[in-house]
PDB file of N, CA and C in Angstrom:
ATOM      1  N   MET A   1      -6.512  -4.335  -0.510  1.00  0.00           N
ATOM      2  CA  MET A   1      -5.207  -3.713  -0.533  1.00  0.00           C
ATOM      3  C   MET A   1      -4.590  -3.844   0.865  1.00  0.00           C
ATOM      4  N   ASP A   2      -3.378  -4.331   0.944  1.00  0.00           N
ATOM      5  CA  ASP A   2      -2.660  -4.412   2.220  1.00  0.00           C
ATOM      6  C   ASP A   2      -1.992  -3.071   2.500  1.00  0.00           C
ATOM      7  N   ALA A   3      -2.105  -2.611   3.713  1.00  0.00           N
ATOM      8  CA  ALA A   3      -1.516  -1.331   4.095  1.00  0.00           C
ATOM      9  C   ALA A   3      -0.825  -1.471   5.444  1.00  0.00           C
ATOM     10  N   LEU A   4       0.395  -0.946   5.519  1.00  0.00           N
ATOM     11  CA  LEU A   4       1.140  -0.949   6.770  1.00  0.00           C
ATOM     12  C   LEU A   4       0.981   0.384   7.470  1.00  0.00           C
ATOM     13  N   CYS A   5       0.832   0.342   8.770  1.00  0.00           N
ATOM     14  CA  CYS A   5       0.689   1.549   9.573  1.00  0.00           C
ATOM     15  C   CYS A   5       1.947   2.409   9.437  1.00  0.00           C
ATOM     16  N   PRO A   6       1.797   3.715   9.172  1.00  0.00           N
ATOM     17  CA  PRO A   6       2.967   4.582   9.048  1.00  0.00           C
ATOM     18  C   PRO A   6       3.693   4.813  10.378  1.00  0.00           C
ATOM     19  N   VAL A   7       3.063   4.482  11.508  1.00  0.00           N
ATOM     20  CA  VAL A   7       3.671   4.685  12.821  1.00  0.00           C
ATOM     21  C   VAL A   7       4.388   3.427  13.310  1.00  0.00           C
ATOM     22  N   CYS A   8       3.680   2.287  13.325  1.00  0.00           N
ATOM     23  CA  CYS A   8       4.260   1.071  13.918  1.00  0.00           C
ATOM     24  C   CYS A   8       4.578  -0.028  12.898  1.00  0.00           C
ATOM     25  N   GLN A   9       4.245   0.197  11.635  1.00  0.00           N
ATOM     26  CA  GLN A   9       4.531  -0.745  10.544  1.00  0.00           C
ATOM     27  C   GLN A   9       3.790  -2.077  10.643  1.00  0.00           C
ATOM     28  N   LYS A  10       2.699  -2.127  11.398  1.00  0.00           N
ATOM     29  CA  LYS A  10       1.865  -3.327  11.477  1.00  0.00           C
ATOM     30  C   LYS A  10       0.775  -3.247  10.403  1.00  0.00           C
ATOM     31  N   LEU A  11       0.237  -4.388  10.017  1.00  0.00           N
ATOM     32  CA  LEU A  11      -0.805  -4.453   9.012  1.00  0.00           C
ATOM     33  C   LEU A  11      -2.085  -3.800   9.535  1.00  0.00           C
ATOM     34  N   MET A  12      -2.678  -2.918   8.727  1.00  0.00           N
ATOM     35  CA  MET A  12      -3.913  -2.237   9.107  1.00  0.00           C
ATOM     36  C   MET A  12      -5.094  -2.926   8.434  1.00  0.00           C
ATOM     37  N   THR A  13      -6.285  -2.729   8.985  1.00  0.00           N
ATOM     38  CA  THR A  13      -7.510  -3.254   8.392  1.00  0.00           C
ATOM     39  C   THR A  13      -8.318  -2.109   7.812  1.00  0.00           C
ATOM     40  N   GLU A  14      -8.984  -2.388   6.696  1.00  0.00           N
ATOM     41  CA  GLU A  14      -9.810  -1.369   6.052  1.00  0.00           C
ATOM     42  C   GLU A  14     -11.184  -1.340   6.709  1.00  0.00           C
ATOM     43  N   VAL A  15     -11.621  -0.132   7.092  1.00  0.00           N
ATOM     44  CA  VAL A  15     -12.903   0.044   7.764  1.00  0.00           C
ATOM     45  C   VAL A  15     -13.595   1.260   7.158  1.00  0.00           C
ATOM     46  N   SER A  16     -14.677   1.039   6.428  1.00  0.00           N
ATOM     47  CA  SER A  16     -15.504   2.127   5.877  1.00  0.00           C
ATOM     48  C   SER A  16     -14.703   3.203   5.142  1.00  0.00           C
ATOM     49  N   GLY A  17     -13.825   2.812   4.244  1.00  0.00           N
ATOM     50  CA  GLY A  17     -13.097   3.779   3.427  1.00  0.00           C
ATOM     51  C   GLY A  17     -11.822   4.327   4.033  1.00  0.00           C
ATOM     52  N   HIS A  18     -11.482   3.925   5.250  1.00  0.00           N
ATOM     53  CA  HIS A  18     -10.207   4.333   5.843  1.00  0.00           C
ATOM     54  C   HIS A  18      -9.542   3.092   6.444  1.00  0.00           C
ATOM     55  N   PHE A  19      -8.351   3.258   6.968  1.00  0.00           N
ATOM     56  CA  PHE A  19      -7.632   2.129   7.574  1.00  0.00           C
ATOM     57  C   PHE A  19      -7.477   2.355   9.062  1.00  0.00           C
ATOM     58  N   HIS A  20      -7.554   1.260   9.816  1.00  0.00           N
ATOM     59  CA  HIS A  20      -7.413   1.307  11.274  1.00  0.00           C
ATOM     60  C   HIS A  20      -6.284   0.371  11.696  1.00  0.00           C
ATOM     61  N   CYS A  21      -5.401   0.870  12.561  1.00  0.00           N
ATOM     62  CA  CYS A  21      -4.324   0.050  13.118  1.00  0.00           C
ATOM     63  C   CYS A  21      -4.738  -0.379  14.521  1.00  0.00           C
ATOM     64  N   SER A  22      -4.916  -1.677  14.699  1.00  0.00           N
ATOM     65  CA  SER A  22      -5.330  -2.183  16.012  1.00  0.00           C
ATOM     66  C   SER A  22      -4.165  -2.199  16.995  1.00  0.00           C
ATOM     67  N   ASN A  23      -2.932  -2.058  16.502  1.00  0.00           N
ATOM     68  CA  ASN A  23      -1.768  -2.054  17.379  1.00  0.00           C
ATOM     69  C   ASN A  23      -1.597  -0.696  18.078  1.00  0.00           C
ATOM     70  N   CYS A  24      -1.597   0.390  17.298  1.00  0.00           N
ATOM     71  CA  CYS A  24      -1.403   1.723  17.905  1.00  0.00           C
ATOM     72  C   CYS A  24      -2.688   2.553  17.904  1.00  0.00           C
ATOM     73  N   HIS A  25      -3.801   1.954  17.437  1.00  0.00           N
ATOM     74  CA  HIS A  25      -5.135   2.555  17.466  1.00  0.00           C
ATOM     75  C   HIS A  25      -5.267   3.804  16.609  1.00  0.00           C
ATOM     76  N   GLY A  26      -4.445   3.925  15.575  1.00  0.00           N
ATOM     77  CA  GLY A  26      -4.544   5.067  14.662  1.00  0.00           C
ATOM     78  C   GLY A  26      -5.511   4.788  13.525  1.00  0.00           C
ATOM     79  N   ASN A  27      -6.084   5.851  12.970  1.00  0.00           N
ATOM     80  CA  ASN A  27      -6.948   5.787  11.806  1.00  0.00           C
ATOM     81  C   ASN A  27      -6.313   6.621  10.702  1.00  0.00           C
ATOM     82  N   TYR A  28      -6.264   6.067   9.485  1.00  0.00           N
ATOM     83  CA  TYR A  28      -5.542   6.706   8.393  1.00  0.00           C
ATOM     84  C   TYR A  28      -6.344   6.667   7.107  1.00  0.00           C
ATOM     85  N   GLN A  29      -6.298   7.766   6.380  1.00  0.00           N
ATOM     86  CA  GLN A  29      -6.953   7.888   5.081  1.00  0.00           C
ATOM     87  C   GLN A  29      -5.898   7.686   4.004  1.00  0.00           C
ATOM     88  N   PRO A  30      -6.120   6.772   3.032  1.00  0.00           N
ATOM     89  CA  PRO A  30      -5.141   6.582   1.970  1.00  0.00           C
ATOM     90  C   PRO A  30      -5.150   7.764   1.001  1.00  0.00           C
ATOM     91  N   GLN A  31      -3.984   8.153   0.521  1.00  0.00           N
ATOM     92  CA  GLN A  31      -3.866   9.208  -0.476  1.00  0.00           C
ATOM     93  C   GLN A  31      -3.015   8.678  -1.625  1.00  0.00           C
ATOM     94  N   ALA A  32      -3.589   8.672  -2.818  1.00  0.00           N
ATOM     95  CA  ALA A  32      -2.874   8.213  -4.010  1.00  0.00           C
ATOM     96  C   ALA A  32      -1.888   9.291  -4.446  1.00  0.00           C
ATOM     97  N   GLU A  33      -0.635   8.871  -4.729  1.00  0.00           N
ATOM     98  CA  GLU A  33       0.399   9.815  -5.159  1.00  0.00           C
ATOM     99  C   GLU A  33       1.037   9.343  -6.452  1.00  0.00           C
ATOM    100  N   CYS A  34       1.416  10.298  -7.286  1.00  0.00           N
ATOM    101  CA  CYS A  34       2.070  10.020  -8.561  1.00  0.00           C
ATOM    102  C   CYS A  34       3.460   9.424  -8.301  1.00  0.00           C
ATOM    103  N   PRO A  35       3.803   8.328  -8.976  1.00  0.00           N
ATOM    104  CA  PRO A  35       5.126   7.731  -8.784  1.00  0.00           C
ATOM    105  C   PRO A  35       6.250   8.568  -9.398  1.00  0.00           C
ATOM    106  N   ASP A  36       5.896   9.503 -10.291  1.00  0.00           N
ATOM    107  CA  ASP A  36       6.904  10.317 -10.962  1.00  0.00           C
ATOM    108  C   ASP A  36       7.207  11.634 -10.238  1.00  0.00           C
ATOM    109  N   CYS A  37       6.154  12.274  -9.682  1.00  0.00           N
ATOM    110  CA  CYS A  37       6.379  13.576  -9.042  1.00  0.00           C
ATOM    111  C   CYS A  37       5.984  13.602  -7.565  1.00  0.00           C
ATOM    112  N   ALA A  38       5.407  12.523  -7.045  1.00  0.00           N
ATOM    113  CA  ALA A  38       5.007  12.370  -5.640  1.00  0.00           C
ATOM    114  C   ALA A  38       3.916  13.352  -5.201  1.00  0.00           C
ATOM    115  N   LYS A  39       3.202  13.939  -6.149  1.00  0.00           N
ATOM    116  CA  LYS A  39       2.093  14.842  -5.810  1.00  0.00           C
ATOM    117  C   LYS A  39       0.794  14.042  -5.803  1.00  0.00           C
ATOM    118  N   PRO A  40      -0.214  14.517  -5.056  1.00  0.00           N
ATOM    119  CA  PRO A  40      -1.492  13.790  -4.995  1.00  0.00           C
ATOM    120  C   PRO A  40      -2.125  13.633  -6.373  1.00  0.00           C
ATOM    121  N   LEU A  41      -2.733  12.476  -6.591  1.00  0.00           N
ATOM    122  CA  LEU A  41      -3.417  12.203  -7.845  1.00  0.00           C
ATOM    123  C   LEU A  41      -4.902  12.484  -7.709  1.00  0.00           C
ATOM    124  N   GLN A  42      -5.512  12.849  -8.825  1.00  0.00           N
ATOM    125  CA  GLN A  42      -6.958  12.983  -8.873  1.00  0.00           C
ATOM    126  C   GLN A  42      -7.519  11.582  -9.085  1.00  0.00           C
ATOM    127  N   VAL A  43      -8.488  11.197  -8.284  1.00  0.00           N
ATOM    128  CA  VAL A  43      -9.102   9.879  -8.395  1.00  0.00           C
ATOM    129  C   VAL A  43     -10.386  10.027  -9.200  1.00  0.00           C
ATOM    130  N   LEU A  44     -10.470   9.272 -10.295  1.00  0.00           N
ATOM    131  CA  LEU A  44     -11.632   9.323 -11.173  1.00  0.00           C
ATOM    132  C   LEU A  44     -12.406   8.018 -11.016  1.00  0.00           C
ATOM    133  N   LYS A  45     -13.691   8.124 -10.633  1.00  0.00           N
ATOM    134  CA  LYS A  45     -14.523   6.933 -10.443  1.00  0.00           C
ATOM    135  C   LYS A  45     -15.712   7.017 -11.393  1.00  0.00           C
ATOM    136  N   ALA A  46     -15.911   5.949 -12.194  1.00  0.00           N
ATOM    137  CA  ALA A  46     -17.054   5.890 -13.105  1.00  0.00           C
ATOM    138  C   ALA A  46     -17.364   4.441 -13.420  1.00  0.00           C
ATOM    139  N   CYS A  47     -18.614   4.086 -13.334  1.00  0.00           N
ATOM    140  CA  CYS A  47     -19.089   2.739 -13.698  1.00  0.00           C
ATOM    141  C   CYS A  47     -18.311   1.640 -12.986  1.00  0.00           C
ATOM    142  N   GLY A  48     -17.934   1.856 -11.750  1.00  0.00           N
ATOM    143  CA  GLY A  48     -17.227   0.845 -10.975  1.00  0.00           C
ATOM    144  C   GLY A  48     -15.725   0.821 -11.179  1.00  0.00           C
ATOM    145  N   ALA A  49     -15.221   1.589 -12.145  1.00  0.00           N
ATOM    146  CA  ALA A  49     -13.771   1.633 -12.402  1.00  0.00           C
ATOM    147  C   ALA A  49     -13.149   2.811 -11.651  1.00  0.00           C
ATOM    148  N   ILE A  50     -11.908   2.634 -11.230  1.00  0.00           N
ATOM    149  CA  ILE A  50     -11.165   3.705 -10.572  1.00  0.00           C
ATOM    150  C   ILE A  50      -9.905   3.965 -11.388  1.00  0.00           C
ATOM    151  N   ASP A  51      -9.723   5.211 -11.799  1.00  0.00           N
ATOM    152  CA  ASP A  51      -8.535   5.621 -12.545  1.00  0.00           C
ATOM    153  C   ASP A  51      -7.854   6.752 -11.784  1.00  0.00           C
ATOM    154  N   TYR A  52      -6.567   6.952 -12.079  1.00  0.00           N
ATOM    155  CA  TYR A  52      -5.775   7.973 -11.399  1.00  0.00           C
ATOM    156  C   TYR A  52      -5.164   8.897 -12.436  1.00  0.00           C
ATOM    157  N   PHE A  53      -5.259  10.207 -12.190  1.00  0.00           N
ATOM    158  CA  PHE A  53      -4.772  11.204 -13.131  1.00  0.00           C
ATOM    159  C   PHE A  53      -3.859  12.195 -12.417  1.00  0.00           C
ATOM    160  N   CYS A  54      -2.672  12.405 -12.995  1.00  0.00           N
ATOM    161  CA  CYS A  54      -1.734  13.390 -12.452  1.00  0.00           C
ATOM    162  C   CYS A  54      -1.965  14.720 -13.154  1.00  0.00           C
ATOM    163  N   GLN A  55      -2.310  15.743 -12.397  1.00  0.00           N
ATOM    164  CA  GLN A  55      -2.564  17.070 -12.943  1.00  0.00           C
ATOM    165  C   GLN A  55      -1.277  17.868 -13.129  1.00  0.00           C
ATOM    166  N   HIS A  56      -0.131  17.224 -12.931  1.00  0.00           N
ATOM    167  CA  HIS A  56       1.153  17.912 -13.027  1.00  0.00           C
ATOM    168  C   HIS A  56       1.957  17.421 -14.223  1.00  0.00           C
ATOM    169  N   GLY A  57       1.244  16.994 -15.288  1.00  0.00           N
ATOM    170  CA  GLY A  57       1.900  16.669 -16.544  1.00  0.00           C
ATOM    171  C   GLY A  57       2.186  15.208 -16.815  1.00  0.00           C
ATOM    172  N   HIS A  58       1.800  14.301 -15.924  1.00  0.00           N
ATOM    173  CA  HIS A  58       2.098  12.893 -16.151  1.00  0.00           C
ATOM    174  C   HIS A  58       0.892  12.092 -16.638  1.00  0.00           C
ATOM    175  N   GLY A  59      -0.266  12.732 -16.757  1.00  0.00           N
ATOM    176  CA  GLY A  59      -1.456  12.101 -17.334  1.00  0.00           C
ATOM    177  C   GLY A  59      -2.012  10.962 -16.507  1.00  0.00           C
ATOM    178  N   LEU A  60      -2.644  10.006 -17.200  1.00  0.00           N
ATOM    179  CA  LEU A  60      -3.210   8.845 -16.516  1.00  0.00           C
ATOM    180  C   LEU A  60      -2.101   7.962 -15.978  1.00  0.00           C
ATOM    181  N   ILE A  61      -2.278   7.491 -14.759  1.00  0.00           N
ATOM    182  CA  ILE A  61      -1.290   6.640 -14.089  1.00  0.00           C
ATOM    183  C   ILE A  61      -1.925   5.271 -13.852  1.00  0.00           C
ATOM    184  N   SER A  62      -1.239   4.228 -14.250  1.00  0.00           N
ATOM    185  CA  SER A  62      -1.710   2.866 -14.052  1.00  0.00           C
ATOM    186  C   SER A  62      -1.840   2.555 -12.559  1.00  0.00           C
ATOM    187  N   LYS A  63      -2.889   1.809 -12.197  1.00  0.00           N
ATOM    188  CA  LYS A  63      -3.097   1.425 -10.791  1.00  0.00           C
ATOM    189  C   LYS A  63      -1.872   0.721 -10.210  1.00  0.00           C
ATOM    190  N   SER A  64      -1.181  -0.051 -11.043  1.00  0.00           N
ATOM    191  CA  SER A  64      -0.021  -0.795 -10.550  1.00  0.00           C
ATOM    192  C   SER A  64       1.162   0.115 -10.218  1.00  0.00           C
ATOM    193  N   ARG A  65       1.165   1.362 -10.706  1.00  0.00           N
ATOM    194  CA  ARG A  65       2.260   2.286 -10.450  1.00  0.00           C
ATOM    195  C   ARG A  65       1.961   3.287  -9.326  1.00  0.00           C
ATOM    196  N   VAL A  66       0.707   3.387  -8.922  1.00  0.00           N
ATOM    197  CA  VAL A  66       0.306   4.376  -7.914  1.00  0.00           C
ATOM    198  C   VAL A  66       0.935   4.049  -6.565  1.00  0.00           C
ATOM    199  N   HIS A  67       1.466   5.066  -5.904  1.00  0.00           N
ATOM    200  CA  HIS A  67       1.979   4.931  -4.539  1.00  0.00           C
ATOM    201  C   HIS A  67       0.923   5.490  -3.593  1.00  0.00           C
ATOM    202  N   PHE A  68       0.786   4.873  -2.438  1.00  0.00           N
ATOM    203  CA  PHE A  68      -0.167   5.361  -1.443  1.00  0.00           C
ATOM    204  C   PHE A  68       0.567   5.790  -0.186  1.00  0.00           C
ATOM    205  N   SER A  69       0.164   6.932   0.338  1.00  0.00           N
ATOM    206  CA  SER A  69       0.615   7.346   1.659  1.00  0.00           C
ATOM    207  C   SER A  69      -0.638   7.333   2.533  1.00  0.00           C
ATOM    208  N   TYR A  70      -0.445   7.313   3.828  1.00  0.00           N
ATOM    209  CA  TYR A  70      -1.579   7.205   4.745  1.00  0.00           C
ATOM    210  C   TYR A  70      -1.560   8.392   5.707  1.00  0.00           C
ATOM    211  N   LEU A  71      -2.575   9.241   5.582  1.00  0.00           N
ATOM    212  CA  LEU A  71      -2.673  10.454   6.386  1.00  0.00           C
ATOM    213  C   LEU A  71      -3.592  10.209   7.573  1.00  0.00           C
ATOM    214  N   PRO A  72      -3.204  10.701   8.747  1.00  0.00           N
ATOM    215  CA  PRO A  72      -4.065  10.521   9.927  1.00  0.00           C
ATOM    216  C   PRO A  72      -5.420  11.186   9.721  1.00  0.00           C
ATOM    217  N   THR A  73      -6.493  10.523  10.170  1.00  0.00           N
ATOM    218  CA  THR A  73      -7.822  11.125  10.124  1.00  0.00           C
ATOM    219  C   THR A  73      -8.087  11.804  11.451  1.00  0.00           C
ATOM    220  N   ILE A  74      -8.956  12.748  11.426  1.00  0.00           N
ATOM    221  CA  ILE A  74      -9.272  13.515  12.641  1.00  0.00           C
ATOM    222  C   ILE A  74     -10.479  12.920  13.334  1.00  0.00           C
TER     223      ILE A  74
END
């Protein structure tokens, strides 16, 4: 998955489950958000598959519709 840094808009690299920006040296955790209500999605993992579920009435969300935001890690 390609991800742009929320600070400098440069391409980030994925490192051990998070993203690192070599330009501004930030580390960011991806957060899946519902495209309909913009609230965080529940991530369901089973047998190698990843599904996304909106607990706010929108049900299962297709991977192609999921929006990602990138939150700074501590």
